[in-house]
């Protein structure tokens, strides 16, 4: 804690009451992050999180408890100095010599001020029930404890497997994310198996030169699909809307491409009353965007379309389609959800992206750019986890009946302040605040018949050509993937011992087998079949 507000790199309001050793009560004015540069080793910086700004405080104090909470080691030397080290960085070491005048270990900074490096003052919440002796006991560190790993993997999943470079920025521009553990998540996120399985890097789109000055001055739109599996709601397409000024993103699951206009009108009626009229809509010129119904819905706003085969001109929307899919994949795979949950995963991905820092906004989240306040992340939960929703009293059979029902957490409701829970056994969705989450577990789908996906396979198209010579196969053009077909084994093919001139049925059989052979075996079989 410190009385100086100038040393904070980030500061937010806080009214915590601090009780001094003399019993005096001091009220804090804020809480934030302070970076200290060692005077003895200028290349070493000590970052302190959750530092209290207490204007009436006489000294600047560093708590040993907080240093250990940030997982720094504190040791003592025979030369009467306290040494702060980082178990993750062997080159990090800061010495705080003992001051007989102040009767404390002082940490000299490059700015000329000195922090008292060792105090055992802590609030009751910080002590967490520990006695003074327990607080002064410095743990011997052998790697990270299991509870730290569990805590940060939990937050990594709550944030939709957000990239490690975005976490420190998000901590500064949001509420509810524990700042003191940011350093740990940046090291632990690399071990996430779901990220290793689902995240793929792509080349970035060129940076747009368009500059907007207000929300809804320019809205980017794109549509992706046909998605091979229908969602539980029957959607097969996904429309993306992005506000250029705030980078706020909305997703609209659609059953048909033609449903875009109706979904756009509903979205327009929700946002325009708060942010003013839409000035321009930019699309790729697809059929779902070029029609009289959409022109009427724009109410005089411009409709810009990118050139044919030049998707980079609509790069903002294209990139956000990739970002949403990039987030959807780990959301579905982490708790082994059926693919039919893709629409719920898309909505949750947009919810998380809007609360994640944007480089275009200098680290500010789209949520803050749109609403004017930082997002509160305290209500985030792991998508797809096992959730027990409380049953209303009137639906319980008797007073001794169970009080909750197991389901799947499928996101956050945008109209009501509650969580969405899906019950796979009946297909129902409830919206409630009374939920108990088991975030480390997924729903046991083996207890019910696993839903069969409504898969769309594009059909084969056979071209009806003119009559062909006997023995020749008709030309077939295949669109999209085909269901797997049985392939003859190599042993079966090698047993064919055909004469040089075979009958027509045998020729057709051999041709069919040849088409299914690996390329390397084709020349050998051709030689055995002779002129055929």
Foldseek 3Di string as FASTA:
>chain_A
DEQDPVQFPFKDADFDWFQDPVRDIFTFGIFAKGWFAAPVHRVAIDIAHRQTHTNPDPAAEAEPLSLVVLPWFWDADPQQWIWIHHPVDRVHIFIFHADPVVRAGWGQTNVGGIYRYYDNGDDPVSCVPPDSVRSPDTDDDDDDDPVLLVVLVFVCLLLLNDQLVQQQLLVRQAAADPNSSSVVNSVNSVVDVLCVVQADDDDAFDDDPDDDDFWLQEKEKEKDDCAFFAALVQFRMKMWIATPHLRQIDIDGHNDLLCVLVVVLVVQVVPCVPGNAHQEYEYQPDPSCDDPSNVVSNVPHYYHHDDPPCCSVSRSRVVVVVQLSSSLSSLCPVQVHDCSLSVLSSRQSSVSQQLTADVVVVSHGSVCVRVVGHYYSNPGGRFQFKKWAFDDPVPAPDPPGDGTDIFTFRAADPPDGFTWTAHVQVRDIDTHNRMDTPRNHHDDCVVDPDDDTPGDFDDWDFDDDDDDDQLDDGDTDGDGDDPDDDADDPVVLVPDQDDLDDDSVVSVVNVVNLVRDDPVCNVVSDVRNHPD
